[in-house]
Amino acid sequence: MGSFELDQNNLSDAETLLELAKTQQIKIYRGKHLEIAQSCKTLGRLYLKKGDLSQAEQNFRGALKLYEDLAGKNHPDTGRVLVDLAVVEKLQRKPEDAIANLRRAIEIFSAALGANDPDTVDANHVLATLLPEVGDYAHAEALYRQVLKTYQTAYGEDDQRVGLVLMQLGTLYISWNDFGNA
């Protein structure tokens, strides 16, 4: 029910229900179960929507620990939480931490799902947005081009994802003072 309320953007009701569910799951499962990890992840999404980055980070870290312990350090669900955590770290202006978590997620996705899986491509897209913050424009450009090619093939030239990557690539070129390519 809490996830439904979150999807409906009823954040206060969602928070109450999700926190209650998490508390009950911890009691029932004695603190170790994938359902608790999922509740932590959903709470992380809720707090991210609310702009409470500290609570979002805390819940994503809780989910990460449970996924690593119960599903495995190389399970795609572990990778997905690493991407969520990286998004929070990006907003907290911790690009090095976010980049490290994204690289780990990409390794997990690539090994488990393949280089062209949507999770892998989307994680590379998020990584491309972070690399300019640490001055790695060339790697960001390569990732944007790789993501662009995959999106064009998968979704077509008129898809909004293609437009977003083109805009981001143009912005990268502007910040890199490459106005011709921009």
C-alpha atoms as a PDB file:
ATOM      1  CA  MET A   1       0.000   0.000   0.000  1.00  0.00           C
ATOM      2  CA  GLY A   2       2.893   2.347   0.783  1.00  0.00           C
ATOM      3  CA  SER A   3       4.352   1.843  -2.699  1.00  0.00           C
ATOM      4  CA  PHE A   4       0.971   2.656  -4.225  1.00  0.00           C
ATOM      5  CA  GLU A   5       0.767   5.870  -2.194  1.00  0.00           C
ATOM      6  CA  LEU A   6       4.294   6.756  -3.278  1.00  0.00           C
ATOM      7  CA  ASP A   7       3.371   6.184  -6.928  1.00  0.00           C
ATOM      8  CA  GLN A   8       0.338   8.444  -6.389  1.00  0.00           C
ATOM      9  CA  ASN A   9       2.667  11.078  -4.876  1.00  0.00           C
ATOM     10  CA  ASN A  10       0.914  10.919  -1.481  1.00  0.00           C
ATOM     11  CA  LEU A  11       4.244  11.184   0.294  1.00  0.00           C
ATOM     12  CA  SER A  12       2.994  11.590   3.850  1.00  0.00           C
ATOM     13  CA  ASP A  13       0.730   8.527   3.686  1.00  0.00           C
ATOM     14  CA  ALA A  14       3.431   6.583   1.850  1.00  0.00           C
ATOM     15  CA  GLU A  15       6.005   7.411   4.510  1.00  0.00           C
ATOM     16  CA  THR A  16       3.723   6.277   7.345  1.00  0.00           C
ATOM     17  CA  LEU A  17       2.835   3.011   5.623  1.00  0.00           C
ATOM     18  CA  LEU A  18       6.351   2.212   4.436  1.00  0.00           C
ATOM     19  CA  GLU A  19       7.959   2.906   7.808  1.00  0.00           C
ATOM     20  CA  LEU A  20       5.316   0.719   9.481  1.00  0.00           C
ATOM     21  CA  ALA A  21       5.891  -2.077   6.971  1.00  0.00           C
ATOM     22  CA  LYS A  22       9.649  -1.900   7.482  1.00  0.00           C
ATOM     23  CA  THR A  23       9.266  -2.019  11.281  1.00  0.00           C
ATOM     24  CA  GLN A  24       6.949  -5.033  11.052  1.00  0.00           C
ATOM     25  CA  GLN A  25       9.229  -6.821   8.587  1.00  0.00           C
ATOM     26  CA  ILE A  26      12.228  -6.300  10.869  1.00  0.00           C
ATOM     27  CA  LYS A  27      10.274  -7.851  13.757  1.00  0.00           C
ATOM     28  CA  ILE A  28       8.961 -10.771  11.713  1.00  0.00           C
ATOM     29  CA  TYR A  29      12.186 -11.579   9.868  1.00  0.00           C
ATOM     30  CA  ARG A  30      14.539 -10.564  12.688  1.00  0.00           C
ATOM     31  CA  GLY A  31      16.236  -7.959  10.545  1.00  0.00           C
ATOM     32  CA  LYS A  32      17.407 -10.148   7.637  1.00  0.00           C
ATOM     33  CA  HIS A  33      15.164 -10.596   4.616  1.00  0.00           C
ATOM     34  CA  LEU A  34      14.951  -9.346   1.045  1.00  0.00           C
ATOM     35  CA  GLU A  35      11.532  -7.836   1.774  1.00  0.00           C
ATOM     36  CA  ILE A  36      13.233  -5.507   4.274  1.00  0.00           C
ATOM     37  CA  ALA A  37      15.765  -4.570   1.600  1.00  0.00           C
ATOM     38  CA  GLN A  38      12.935  -3.739  -0.793  1.00  0.00           C
ATOM     39  CA  SER A  39      11.198  -1.639   1.865  1.00  0.00           C
ATOM     40  CA  CYS A  40      14.440   0.241   2.538  1.00  0.00           C
ATOM     41  CA  LYS A  41      14.881   0.850  -1.179  1.00  0.00           C
ATOM     42  CA  THR A  42      11.316   2.124  -1.540  1.00  0.00           C
ATOM     43  CA  LEU A  43      11.775   4.361   1.498  1.00  0.00           C
ATOM     44  CA  GLY A  44      14.970   5.658  -0.084  1.00  0.00           C
ATOM     45  CA  ARG A  45      12.982   6.597  -3.201  1.00  0.00           C
ATOM     46  CA  LEU A  46      10.380   8.307  -1.023  1.00  0.00           C
ATOM     47  CA  TYR A  47      12.936  10.363   0.899  1.00  0.00           C
ATOM     48  CA  LEU A  48      14.698  11.240  -2.345  1.00  0.00           C
ATOM     49  CA  LYS A  49      11.390  12.577  -3.687  1.00  0.00           C
ATOM     50  CA  LYS A  50      10.937  14.552  -0.477  1.00  0.00           C
ATOM     51  CA  GLY A  51      14.447  15.984  -0.785  1.00  0.00           C
ATOM     52  CA  ASP A  52      15.600  14.382   2.478  1.00  0.00           C
ATOM     53  CA  LEU A  53      18.938  13.166   1.168  1.00  0.00           C
ATOM     54  CA  SER A  54      20.181  12.007   4.563  1.00  0.00           C
ATOM     55  CA  GLN A  55      17.212   9.659   5.063  1.00  0.00           C
ATOM     56  CA  ALA A  56      17.392   8.538   1.428  1.00  0.00           C
ATOM     57  CA  GLU A  57      21.069   7.678   1.825  1.00  0.00           C
ATOM     58  CA  GLN A  58      20.469   5.855   5.115  1.00  0.00           C
ATOM     59  CA  ASN A  59      17.726   3.706   3.584  1.00  0.00           C
ATOM     60  CA  PHE A  60      19.661   2.960   0.404  1.00  0.00           C
ATOM     61  CA  ARG A  61      22.692   1.945   2.489  1.00  0.00           C
ATOM     62  CA  GLY A  62      20.461  -0.341   4.567  1.00  0.00           C
ATOM     63  CA  ALA A  63      19.058  -1.899   1.395  1.00  0.00           C
ATOM     64  CA  LEU A  64      22.559  -2.268  -0.051  1.00  0.00           C
ATOM     65  CA  LYS A  65      23.822  -4.138   3.011  1.00  0.00           C
ATOM     66  CA  LEU A  66      20.863  -6.523   2.940  1.00  0.00           C
ATOM     67  CA  TYR A  67      21.110  -7.140  -0.809  1.00  0.00           C
ATOM     68  CA  GLU A  68      24.846  -7.805  -0.535  1.00  0.00           C
ATOM     69  CA  ASP A  69      24.322 -10.197   2.392  1.00  0.00           C
ATOM     70  CA  LEU A  70      21.240 -12.002   1.083  1.00  0.00           C
ATOM     71  CA  ALA A  71      21.273 -11.785  -2.732  1.00  0.00           C
ATOM     72  CA  GLY A  72      25.028 -11.426  -3.179  1.00  0.00           C
ATOM     73  CA  LYS A  73      27.548  -8.703  -3.910  1.00  0.00           C
ATOM     74  CA  ASN A  74      27.236  -9.342  -7.661  1.00  0.00           C
ATOM     75  CA  HIS A  75      23.453  -9.593  -7.914  1.00  0.00           C
ATOM     76  CA  PRO A  76      21.664  -7.097 -10.193  1.00  0.00           C
ATOM     77  CA  ASP A  77      19.487  -5.907  -7.268  1.00  0.00           C
ATOM     78  CA  THR A  78      22.699  -4.938  -5.476  1.00  0.00           C
ATOM     79  CA  GLY A  79      23.704  -2.977  -8.581  1.00  0.00           C
ATOM     80  CA  ARG A  80      20.347  -1.215  -8.730  1.00  0.00           C
ATOM     81  CA  VAL A  81      20.690   0.030  -5.162  1.00  0.00           C
ATOM     82  CA  LEU A  82      24.227   1.195  -5.929  1.00  0.00           C
ATOM     83  CA  VAL A  83      22.787   3.346  -8.745  1.00  0.00           C
ATOM     84  CA  ASP A  84      20.148   4.757  -6.372  1.00  0.00           C
ATOM     85  CA  LEU A  85      22.831   5.539  -3.817  1.00  0.00           C
ATOM     86  CA  ALA A  86      24.978   7.178  -6.500  1.00  0.00           C
ATOM     87  CA  VAL A  87      22.095   9.481  -7.433  1.00  0.00           C
ATOM     88  CA  VAL A  88      21.855  10.612  -3.801  1.00  0.00           C
ATOM     89  CA  GLU A  89      25.626  11.094  -3.625  1.00  0.00           C
ATOM     90  CA  LYS A  90      25.516  13.148  -6.823  1.00  0.00           C
ATOM     91  CA  LEU A  91      22.914  15.432  -5.257  1.00  0.00           C
ATOM     92  CA  GLN A  92      25.017  15.627  -2.081  1.00  0.00           C
ATOM     93  CA  ARG A  93      27.932  16.809  -4.245  1.00  0.00           C
ATOM     94  CA  LYS A  94      30.028  13.699  -3.607  1.00  0.00           C
ATOM     95  CA  PRO A  95      30.995  12.876  -7.196  1.00  0.00           C
ATOM     96  CA  GLU A  96      33.889  10.564  -6.339  1.00  0.00           C
ATOM     97  CA  ASP A  97      31.669   8.361  -4.140  1.00  0.00           C
ATOM     98  CA  ALA A  98      28.913   8.345  -6.754  1.00  0.00           C
ATOM     99  CA  ILE A  99      31.355   7.445  -9.536  1.00  0.00           C
ATOM    100  CA  ALA A 100      32.774   4.562  -7.500  1.00  0.00           C
ATOM    101  CA  ASN A 101      29.303   3.166  -6.827  1.00  0.00           C
ATOM    102  CA  LEU A 102      28.278   3.544 -10.474  1.00  0.00           C
ATOM    103  CA  ARG A 103      31.402   1.783 -11.696  1.00  0.00           C
ATOM    104  CA  ARG A 104      30.699  -1.089  -9.327  1.00  0.00           C
ATOM    105  CA  ALA A 105      27.063  -1.241 -10.507  1.00  0.00           C
ATOM    106  CA  ILE A 106      28.172  -1.245 -14.156  1.00  0.00           C
ATOM    107  CA  GLU A 107      30.541  -4.141 -13.461  1.00  0.00           C
ATOM    108  CA  ILE A 108      27.714  -6.076 -11.819  1.00  0.00           C
ATOM    109  CA  PHE A 109      25.242  -5.351 -14.635  1.00  0.00           C
ATOM    110  CA  SER A 110      27.751  -6.070 -17.404  1.00  0.00           C
ATOM    111  CA  ALA A 111      28.688  -9.442 -15.931  1.00  0.00           C
ATOM    112  CA  ALA A 112      25.161 -10.515 -14.991  1.00  0.00           C
ATOM    113  CA  LEU A 113      23.046  -8.917 -17.718  1.00  0.00           C
ATOM    114  CA  GLY A 114      25.358  -7.801 -20.527  1.00  0.00           C
ATOM    115  CA  ALA A 115      26.681  -4.514 -21.831  1.00  0.00           C
ATOM    116  CA  ASN A 116      23.492  -3.609 -23.725  1.00  0.00           C
ATOM    117  CA  ASP A 117      21.036  -4.350 -20.922  1.00  0.00           C
ATOM    118  CA  PRO A 118      18.954  -1.293 -19.986  1.00  0.00           C
ATOM    119  CA  ASP A 119      20.336  -1.297 -16.419  1.00  0.00           C
ATOM    120  CA  THR A 120      23.918  -1.212 -17.741  1.00  0.00           C
ATOM    121  CA  VAL A 121      23.175   1.502 -20.296  1.00  0.00           C
ATOM    122  CA  ASP A 122      21.258   3.651 -17.803  1.00  0.00           C
ATOM    123  CA  ALA A 123      24.059   3.360 -15.220  1.00  0.00           C
ATOM    124  CA  ASN A 124      26.559   4.431 -17.899  1.00  0.00           C
ATOM    125  CA  HIS A 125      24.290   7.383 -18.669  1.00  0.00           C
ATOM    126  CA  VAL A 126      24.289   8.501 -15.030  1.00  0.00           C
ATOM    127  CA  LEU A 127      28.077   8.026 -14.908  1.00  0.00           C
ATOM    128  CA  ALA A 128      28.464  10.219 -17.998  1.00  0.00           C
ATOM    129  CA  THR A 129      26.656  13.055 -16.186  1.00  0.00           C
ATOM    130  CA  LEU A 130      29.102  12.838 -13.278  1.00  0.00           C
ATOM    131  CA  LEU A 131      32.447  12.558 -15.023  1.00  0.00           C
ATOM    132  CA  PRO A 132      32.655  16.243 -16.054  1.00  0.00           C
ATOM    133  CA  GLU A 133      32.423  17.152 -12.353  1.00  0.00           C
ATOM    134  CA  VAL A 134      35.830  15.511 -11.868  1.00  0.00           C
ATOM    135  CA  GLY A 135      37.236  16.863 -15.141  1.00  0.00           C
ATOM    136  CA  ASP A 136      36.988  13.640 -17.175  1.00  0.00           C
ATOM    137  CA  TYR A 137      35.351  15.125 -20.265  1.00  0.00           C
ATOM    138  CA  ALA A 138      36.775  12.610 -22.756  1.00  0.00           C
ATOM    139  CA  HIS A 139      35.376   9.608 -20.882  1.00  0.00           C
ATOM    140  CA  ALA A 140      32.035  11.391 -20.447  1.00  0.00           C
ATOM    141  CA  GLU A 141      31.897  12.064 -24.193  1.00  0.00           C
ATOM    142  CA  ALA A 142      32.637   8.403 -24.996  1.00  0.00           C
ATOM    143  CA  LEU A 143      29.921   7.224 -22.608  1.00  0.00           C
ATOM    144  CA  TYR A 144      27.366   9.714 -23.945  1.00  0.00           C
ATOM    145  CA  ARG A 145      28.092   8.544 -27.496  1.00  0.00           C
ATOM    146  CA  GLN A 146      27.778   4.886 -26.454  1.00  0.00           C
ATOM    147  CA  VAL A 147      24.490   5.547 -24.625  1.00  0.00           C
ATOM    148  CA  LEU A 148      23.209   7.633 -27.542  1.00  0.00           C
ATOM    149  CA  LYS A 149      23.894   4.839 -30.033  1.00  0.00           C
ATOM    150  CA  THR A 150      22.161   2.278 -27.814  1.00  0.00           C
ATOM    151  CA  TYR A 151      19.116   4.520 -27.242  1.00  0.00           C
ATOM    152  CA  GLN A 152      18.844   5.316 -30.968  1.00  0.00           C
ATOM    153  CA  THR A 153      18.913   1.608 -31.820  1.00  0.00           C
ATOM    154  CA  ALA A 154      16.542   0.558 -29.047  1.00  0.00           C
ATOM    155  CA  TYR A 155      14.041   3.426 -29.068  1.00  0.00           C
ATOM    156  CA  GLY A 156      14.448   5.297 -32.366  1.00  0.00           C
ATOM    157  CA  GLU A 157      15.632   8.786 -33.257  1.00  0.00           C
ATOM    158  CA  ASP A 158      12.490  10.540 -31.983  1.00  0.00           C
ATOM    159  CA  ASP A 159      12.575   9.118 -28.456  1.00  0.00           C
ATOM    160  CA  GLN A 160      12.917  11.613 -25.595  1.00  0.00           C
ATOM    161  CA  ARG A 161      15.915   9.671 -24.210  1.00  0.00           C
ATOM    162  CA  VAL A 162      17.770  10.334 -27.459  1.00  0.00           C
ATOM    163  CA  GLY A 163      16.929  14.032 -27.203  1.00  0.00           C
ATOM    164  CA  LEU A 164      18.088  14.166 -23.589  1.00  0.00           C
ATOM    165  CA  VAL A 165      21.454  12.582 -24.397  1.00  0.00           C
ATOM    166  CA  LEU A 166      21.946  14.915 -27.368  1.00  0.00           C
ATOM    167  CA  MET A 167      21.240  17.900 -25.117  1.00  0.00           C
ATOM    168  CA  GLN A 168      23.623  16.595 -22.462  1.00  0.00           C
ATOM    169  CA  LEU A 169      26.313  15.930 -25.055  1.00  0.00           C
ATOM    170  CA  GLY A 170      25.902  19.478 -26.386  1.00  0.00           C
ATOM    171  CA  THR A 171      26.163  20.862 -22.859  1.00  0.00           C
ATOM    172  CA  LEU A 172      29.311  18.801 -22.314  1.00  0.00           C
ATOM    173  CA  TYR A 173      30.860  20.287 -25.441  1.00  0.00           C
ATOM    174  CA  ILE A 174      29.987  23.813 -24.294  1.00  0.00           C
ATOM    175  CA  SER A 175      31.627  23.252 -20.905  1.00  0.00           C
ATOM    176  CA  TRP A 176      34.607  21.786 -22.768  1.00  0.00           C
ATOM    177  CA  ASN A 177      34.710  24.911 -24.991  1.00  0.00           C
ATOM    178  CA  ASP A 178      34.107  22.787 -28.098  1.00  0.00           C
ATOM    179  CA  PHE A 179      31.465  25.035 -29.642  1.00  0.00           C
ATOM    180  CA  GLY A 180      31.640  23.439 -33.092  1.00  0.00           C
ATOM    181  CA  ASN A 181      30.504  20.063 -31.810  1.00  0.00           C
ATOM    182  CA  ALA A 182      28.033  21.686 -29.421  1.00  0.00           C
END
